[in-house]
Amino acid sequence: MKSINNNSDINNVRAIFIETLSGEFLLKTGFGAYAFLAPTDINHLFKEYLQQPQTLKIFSKSCVRNHV
């Protein structure tokens, strides 16, 4: 992933992250991410995702497996 410098860029990436994560939770459980995770937990996962070499889809699936 290329370096993210702009606040607008990071906000866009965060929004896509939350949407993808919630979608994975919906597929597996019928409930979005906020039913299982606090906003601070999601922010922590976002920061962790930025440090990972995995794709967003793989990271999201892993998060769902770990929290359900």
PDB file of N, CA and C in Angstrom:
ATOM      1  N   MET A   1       0.842  -1.170   0.000  1.00  0.00           N
ATOM      2  CA  MET A   1       0.000   0.000   0.000  1.00  0.00           C
ATOM      3  C   MET A   1       0.889   1.234   0.000  1.00  0.00           C
ATOM      4  N   LYS A   2       0.538   2.206  -0.840  1.00  0.00           N
ATOM      5  CA  LYS A   2       1.354   3.420  -0.881  1.00  0.00           C
ATOM      6  C   LYS A   2       1.175   4.238   0.387  1.00  0.00           C
ATOM      7  N   SER A   3       2.106   5.088   0.647  1.00  0.00           N
ATOM      8  CA  SER A   3       2.068   5.926   1.834  1.00  0.00           C
ATOM      9  C   SER A   3       0.859   6.858   1.801  1.00  0.00           C
ATOM     10  N   ILE A   4       0.231   6.990   2.947  1.00  0.00           N
ATOM     11  CA  ILE A   4      -0.945   7.851   3.062  1.00  0.00           C
ATOM     12  C   ILE A   4      -0.546   9.084   3.847  1.00  0.00           C
ATOM     13  N   ASN A   5      -0.590  10.248   3.209  1.00  0.00           N
ATOM     14  CA  ASN A   5      -0.156  11.472   3.856  1.00  0.00           C
ATOM     15  C   ASN A   5      -1.302  12.434   4.131  1.00  0.00           C
ATOM     16  N   ASN A   6      -2.268  12.462   3.307  1.00  0.00           N
ATOM     17  CA  ASN A   6      -3.339  13.434   3.360  1.00  0.00           C
ATOM     18  C   ASN A   6      -4.445  12.974   4.311  1.00  0.00           C
ATOM     19  N   ASN A   7      -4.971  13.889   5.148  1.00  0.00           N
ATOM     20  CA  ASN A   7      -6.060  13.546   6.058  1.00  0.00           C
ATOM     21  C   ASN A   7      -7.271  13.039   5.311  1.00  0.00           C
ATOM     22  N   SER A   8      -7.550  13.620   4.152  1.00  0.00           N
ATOM     23  CA  SER A   8      -8.678  13.169   3.345  1.00  0.00           C
ATOM     24  C   SER A   8      -8.464  11.731   2.885  1.00  0.00           C
ATOM     25  N   ASP A   9      -7.237  11.414   2.494  1.00  0.00           N
ATOM     26  CA  ASP A   9      -6.923  10.049   2.065  1.00  0.00           C
ATOM     27  C   ASP A   9      -7.121   9.061   3.201  1.00  0.00           C
ATOM     28  N   ILE A  10      -6.612   9.377   4.378  1.00  0.00           N
ATOM     29  CA  ILE A  10      -6.726   8.460   5.511  1.00  0.00           C
ATOM     30  C   ILE A  10      -8.185   8.282   5.912  1.00  0.00           C
ATOM     31  N   ASN A  11      -8.983   9.346   5.826  1.00  0.00           N
ATOM     32  CA  ASN A  11     -10.399   9.240   6.152  1.00  0.00           C
ATOM     33  C   ASN A  11     -11.129   8.363   5.139  1.00  0.00           C
ATOM     34  N   ASN A  12     -10.753   8.461   3.873  1.00  0.00           N
ATOM     35  CA  ASN A  12     -11.353   7.611   2.847  1.00  0.00           C
ATOM     36  C   ASN A  12     -10.983   6.152   3.060  1.00  0.00           C
ATOM     37  N   VAL A  13      -9.734   5.888   3.369  1.00  0.00           N
ATOM     38  CA  VAL A  13      -9.281   4.520   3.625  1.00  0.00           C
ATOM     39  C   VAL A  13      -9.977   3.961   4.863  1.00  0.00           C
ATOM     40  N   ARG A  14     -10.121   4.775   5.909  1.00  0.00           N
ATOM     41  CA  ARG A  14     -10.805   4.337   7.131  1.00  0.00           C
ATOM     42  C   ARG A  14     -12.267   3.998   6.844  1.00  0.00           C
ATOM     43  N   ALA A  15     -12.930   4.825   6.043  1.00  0.00           N
ATOM     44  CA  ALA A  15     -14.334   4.572   5.708  1.00  0.00           C
ATOM     45  C   ALA A  15     -14.481   3.257   4.933  1.00  0.00           C
ATOM     46  N   ILE A  16     -13.595   3.019   3.993  1.00  0.00           N
ATOM     47  CA  ILE A  16     -13.625   1.766   3.227  1.00  0.00           C
ATOM     48  C   ILE A  16     -13.338   0.583   4.150  1.00  0.00           C
ATOM     49  N   PHE A  17     -12.403   0.761   5.070  1.00  0.00           N
ATOM     50  CA  PHE A  17     -12.078  -0.291   6.032  1.00  0.00           C
ATOM     51  C   PHE A  17     -13.306  -0.660   6.870  1.00  0.00           C
ATOM     52  N   ILE A  18     -13.967   0.337   7.425  1.00  0.00           N
ATOM     53  CA  ILE A  18     -15.134   0.089   8.277  1.00  0.00           C
ATOM     54  C   ILE A  18     -16.260  -0.555   7.468  1.00  0.00           C
ATOM     55  N   GLU A  19     -16.477  -0.082   6.256  1.00  0.00           N
ATOM     56  CA  GLU A  19     -17.520  -0.649   5.398  1.00  0.00           C
ATOM     57  C   GLU A  19     -17.222  -2.119   5.085  1.00  0.00           C
ATOM     58  N   THR A  20     -15.987  -2.419   4.759  1.00  0.00           N
ATOM     59  CA  THR A  20     -15.597  -3.799   4.443  1.00  0.00           C
ATOM     60  C   THR A  20     -15.688  -4.692   5.671  1.00  0.00           C
ATOM     61  N   LEU A  21     -15.205  -4.208   6.796  1.00  0.00           N
ATOM     62  CA  LEU A  21     -15.262  -4.977   8.040  1.00  0.00           C
ATOM     63  C   LEU A  21     -16.711  -5.254   8.431  1.00  0.00           C
ATOM     64  N   SER A  22     -17.560  -4.243   8.363  1.00  0.00           N
ATOM     65  CA  SER A  22     -18.967  -4.429   8.700  1.00  0.00           C
ATOM     66  C   SER A  22     -19.641  -5.406   7.743  1.00  0.00           C
ATOM     67  N   GLY A  23     -19.270  -5.326   6.466  1.00  0.00           N
ATOM     68  CA  GLY A  23     -19.823  -6.262   5.490  1.00  0.00           C
ATOM     69  C   GLY A  23     -19.472  -7.703   5.805  1.00  0.00           C
ATOM     70  N   GLU A  24     -18.242  -7.932   6.231  1.00  0.00           N
ATOM     71  CA  GLU A  24     -17.831  -9.293   6.601  1.00  0.00           C
ATOM     72  C   GLU A  24     -18.594  -9.782   7.833  1.00  0.00           C
ATOM     73  N   PHE A  25     -18.767  -8.911   8.813  1.00  0.00           N
ATOM     74  CA  PHE A  25     -19.553  -9.291   9.985  1.00  0.00           C
ATOM     75  C   PHE A  25     -20.995  -9.580   9.588  1.00  0.00           C
ATOM     76  N   LEU A  26     -21.570  -8.778   8.720  1.00  0.00           N
ATOM     77  CA  LEU A  26     -22.939  -9.009   8.253  1.00  0.00           C
ATOM     78  C   LEU A  26     -23.077 -10.353   7.556  1.00  0.00           C
ATOM     79  N   LEU A  27     -22.130 -10.685   6.705  1.00  0.00           N
ATOM     80  CA  LEU A  27     -22.187 -11.961   5.994  1.00  0.00           C
ATOM     81  C   LEU A  27     -22.139 -13.151   6.946  1.00  0.00           C
ATOM     82  N   LYS A  28     -21.296 -13.057   7.956  1.00  0.00           N
ATOM     83  CA  LYS A  28     -21.114 -14.182   8.880  1.00  0.00           C
ATOM     84  C   LYS A  28     -22.175 -14.254   9.975  1.00  0.00           C
ATOM     85  N   THR A  29     -22.639 -13.093  10.465  1.00  0.00           N
ATOM     86  CA  THR A  29     -23.474 -13.098  11.669  1.00  0.00           C
ATOM     87  C   THR A  29     -24.847 -12.465  11.490  1.00  0.00           C
ATOM     88  N   GLY A  30     -24.999 -11.644  10.462  1.00  0.00           N
ATOM     89  CA  GLY A  30     -26.251 -10.913  10.305  1.00  0.00           C
ATOM     90  C   GLY A  30     -26.236  -9.574  11.024  1.00  0.00           C
ATOM     91  N   PHE A  31     -25.141  -9.266  11.676  1.00  0.00           N
ATOM     92  CA  PHE A  31     -24.988  -8.005  12.398  1.00  0.00           C
ATOM     93  C   PHE A  31     -23.693  -7.329  11.961  1.00  0.00           C
ATOM     94  N   GLY A  32     -23.666  -6.000  11.999  1.00  0.00           N
ATOM     95  CA  GLY A  32     -22.475  -5.247  11.612  1.00  0.00           C
ATOM     96  C   GLY A  32     -21.386  -5.310  12.672  1.00  0.00           C
ATOM     97  N   ALA A  33     -20.256  -4.736  12.349  1.00  0.00           N
ATOM     98  CA  ALA A  33     -19.085  -4.777  13.226  1.00  0.00           C
ATOM     99  C   ALA A  33     -19.351  -4.131  14.581  1.00  0.00           C
ATOM    100  N   TYR A  34     -20.169  -3.071  14.605  1.00  0.00           N
ATOM    101  CA  TYR A  34     -20.401  -2.362  15.861  1.00  0.00           C
ATOM    102  C   TYR A  34     -21.228  -3.170  16.855  1.00  0.00           C
ATOM    103  N   ALA A  35     -21.821  -4.269  16.411  1.00  0.00           N
ATOM    104  CA  ALA A  35     -22.515  -5.156  17.342  1.00  0.00           C
ATOM    105  C   ALA A  35     -21.518  -5.972  18.159  1.00  0.00           C
ATOM    106  N   PHE A  36     -20.304  -6.100  17.655  1.00  0.00           N
ATOM    107  CA  PHE A  36     -19.289  -6.920  18.307  1.00  0.00           C
ATOM    108  C   PHE A  36     -18.098  -6.120  18.830  1.00  0.00           C
ATOM    109  N   LEU A  37     -17.862  -4.959  18.242  1.00  0.00           N
ATOM    110  CA  LEU A  37     -16.669  -4.183  18.561  1.00  0.00           C
ATOM    111  C   LEU A  37     -17.020  -2.748  18.913  1.00  0.00           C
ATOM    112  N   ALA A  38     -16.314  -2.190  19.868  1.00  0.00           N
ATOM    113  CA  ALA A  38     -16.452  -0.775  20.214  1.00  0.00           C
ATOM    114  C   ALA A  38     -15.714   0.055  19.171  1.00  0.00           C
ATOM    115  N   PRO A  39     -16.080   1.314  19.019  1.00  0.00           N
ATOM    116  CA  PRO A  39     -15.370   2.174  18.067  1.00  0.00           C
ATOM    117  C   PRO A  39     -13.858   2.200  18.298  1.00  0.00           C
ATOM    118  N   THR A  40     -13.430   2.168  19.541  1.00  0.00           N
ATOM    119  CA  THR A  40     -11.986   2.162  19.817  1.00  0.00           C
ATOM    120  C   THR A  40     -11.339   0.870  19.331  1.00  0.00           C
ATOM    121  N   ASP A  41     -12.060  -0.243  19.434  1.00  0.00           N
ATOM    122  CA  ASP A  41     -11.538  -1.516  18.928  1.00  0.00           C
ATOM    123  C   ASP A  41     -11.377  -1.465  17.409  1.00  0.00           C
ATOM    124  N   ILE A  42     -12.362  -0.883  16.728  1.00  0.00           N
ATOM    125  CA  ILE A  42     -12.301  -0.775  15.273  1.00  0.00           C
ATOM    126  C   ILE A  42     -11.145   0.136  14.867  1.00  0.00           C
ATOM    127  N   ASN A  43     -10.946   1.216  15.600  1.00  0.00           N
ATOM    128  CA  ASN A  43      -9.821   2.103  15.304  1.00  0.00           C
ATOM    129  C   ASN A  43      -8.485   1.384  15.499  1.00  0.00           C
ATOM    130  N   HIS A  44      -8.391   0.586  16.548  1.00  0.00           N
ATOM    131  CA  HIS A  44      -7.176  -0.204  16.789  1.00  0.00           C
ATOM    132  C   HIS A  44      -6.949  -1.189  15.641  1.00  0.00           C
ATOM    133  N   LEU A  45      -8.009  -1.853  15.193  1.00  0.00           N
ATOM    134  CA  LEU A  45      -7.885  -2.784  14.073  1.00  0.00           C
ATOM    135  C   LEU A  45      -7.469  -2.056  12.794  1.00  0.00           C
ATOM    136  N   PHE A  46      -7.983  -0.849  12.594  1.00  0.00           N
ATOM    137  CA  PHE A  46      -7.610  -0.065  11.424  1.00  0.00           C
ATOM    138  C   PHE A  46      -6.113   0.236  11.435  1.00  0.00           C
ATOM    139  N   LYS A  47      -5.607   0.660  12.576  1.00  0.00           N
ATOM    140  CA  LYS A  47      -4.174   0.938  12.691  1.00  0.00           C
ATOM    141  C   LYS A  47      -3.352  -0.327  12.463  1.00  0.00           C
ATOM    142  N   GLU A  48      -3.857  -1.451  12.963  1.00  0.00           N
ATOM    143  CA  GLU A  48      -3.187  -2.729  12.751  1.00  0.00           C
ATOM    144  C   GLU A  48      -3.201  -3.101  11.261  1.00  0.00           C
ATOM    145  N   TYR A  49      -4.329  -2.884  10.610  1.00  0.00           N
ATOM    146  CA  TYR A  49      -4.442  -3.171   9.179  1.00  0.00           C
ATOM    147  C   TYR A  49      -3.424  -2.382   8.365  1.00  0.00           C
ATOM    148  N   LEU A  50      -3.221  -1.123   8.713  1.00  0.00           N
ATOM    149  CA  LEU A  50      -2.278  -0.288   7.972  1.00  0.00           C
ATOM    150  C   LEU A  50      -0.850  -0.830   8.046  1.00  0.00           C
ATOM    151  N   GLN A  51      -0.561  -1.631   9.062  1.00  0.00           N
ATOM    152  CA  GLN A  51       0.779  -2.186   9.234  1.00  0.00           C
ATOM    153  C   GLN A  51       0.922  -3.576   8.606  1.00  0.00           C
ATOM    154  N   GLN A  52      -0.191  -4.147   8.123  1.00  0.00           N
ATOM    155  CA  GLN A  52      -0.189  -5.509   7.595  1.00  0.00           C
ATOM    156  C   GLN A  52       0.017  -5.535   6.082  1.00  0.00           C
ATOM    157  N   PRO A  53       0.631  -6.591   5.581  1.00  0.00           N
ATOM    158  CA  PRO A  53       0.772  -6.735   4.129  1.00  0.00           C
ATOM    159  C   PRO A  53      -0.454  -7.382   3.479  1.00  0.00           C
ATOM    160  N   GLN A  54      -1.430  -7.819   4.284  1.00  0.00           N
ATOM    161  CA  GLN A  54      -2.605  -8.513   3.766  1.00  0.00           C
ATOM    162  C   GLN A  54      -3.552  -7.558   3.047  1.00  0.00           C
ATOM    163  N   THR A  55      -4.372  -8.140   2.173  1.00  0.00           N
ATOM    164  CA  THR A  55      -5.424  -7.339   1.550  1.00  0.00           C
ATOM    165  C   THR A  55      -6.490  -7.043   2.592  1.00  0.00           C
ATOM    166  N   LEU A  56      -7.293  -6.051   2.319  1.00  0.00           N
ATOM    167  CA  LEU A  56      -8.367  -5.666   3.246  1.00  0.00           C
ATOM    168  C   LEU A  56      -9.355  -6.808   3.433  1.00  0.00           C
ATOM    169  N   LYS A  57      -9.690  -7.500   2.379  1.00  0.00           N
ATOM    170  CA  LYS A  57     -10.659  -8.599   2.456  1.00  0.00           C
ATOM    171  C   LYS A  57     -10.150  -9.713   3.365  1.00  0.00           C
ATOM    172  N   ILE A  58      -8.906 -10.094   3.197  1.00  0.00           N
ATOM    173  CA  ILE A  58      -8.326 -11.158   4.027  1.00  0.00           C
ATOM    174  C   ILE A  58      -8.232 -10.705   5.479  1.00  0.00           C
ATOM    175  N   PHE A  59      -7.801  -9.473   5.702  1.00  0.00           N
ATOM    176  CA  PHE A  59      -7.702  -8.948   7.065  1.00  0.00           C
ATOM    177  C   PHE A  59      -9.078  -8.922   7.729  1.00  0.00           C
ATOM    178  N   SER A  60     -10.110  -8.496   7.002  1.00  0.00           N
ATOM    179  CA  SER A  60     -11.466  -8.418   7.542  1.00  0.00           C
ATOM    180  C   SER A  60     -11.996  -9.797   7.913  1.00  0.00           C
ATOM    181  N   LYS A  61     -11.776 -10.762   7.051  1.00  0.00           N
ATOM    182  CA  LYS A  61     -12.223 -12.133   7.342  1.00  0.00           C
ATOM    183  C   LYS A  61     -11.536 -12.654   8.592  1.00  0.00           C
ATOM    184  N   SER A  62     -10.259 -12.365   8.730  1.00  0.00           N
ATOM    185  CA  SER A  62      -9.514 -12.792   9.904  1.00  0.00           C
ATOM    186  C   SER A  62     -10.080 -12.146  11.173  1.00  0.00           C
ATOM    187  N   CYS A  63     -10.417 -10.875  11.096  1.00  0.00           N
ATOM    188  CA  CYS A  63     -11.003 -10.176  12.251  1.00  0.00           C
ATOM    189  C   CYS A  63     -12.326 -10.807  12.675  1.00  0.00           C
ATOM    190  N   VAL A  64     -13.138 -11.156  11.702  1.00  0.00           N
ATOM    191  CA  VAL A  64     -14.436 -11.761  12.013  1.00  0.00           C
ATOM    192  C   VAL A  64     -14.212 -13.109  12.703  1.00  0.00           C
ATOM    193  N   ARG A  65     -13.314 -13.920  12.165  1.00  0.00           N
ATOM    194  CA  ARG A  65     -13.016 -15.225  12.790  1.00  0.00           C
ATOM    195  C   ARG A  65     -12.534 -15.050  14.228  1.00  0.00           C
ATOM    196  N   ASN A  66     -11.746 -14.021  14.473  1.00  0.00           N
ATOM    197  CA  ASN A  66     -11.178 -13.808  15.811  1.00  0.00           C
ATOM    198  C   ASN A  66     -12.168 -13.236  16.813  1.00  0.00           C
ATOM    199  N   HIS A  67     -13.237 -12.595  16.334  1.00  0.00           N
ATOM    200  CA  HIS A  67     -14.148 -11.927  17.255  1.00  0.00           C
ATOM    201  C   HIS A  67     -15.540 -12.531  17.342  1.00  0.00           C
ATOM    202  N   VAL A  68     -15.782 -13.592  16.594  1.00  0.00           N
ATOM    203  CA  VAL A  68     -17.104 -14.234  16.653  1.00  0.00           C
ATOM    204  C   VAL A  68     -16.959 -15.579  17.298  1.00  0.00           C
TER     205      VAL A  68
END
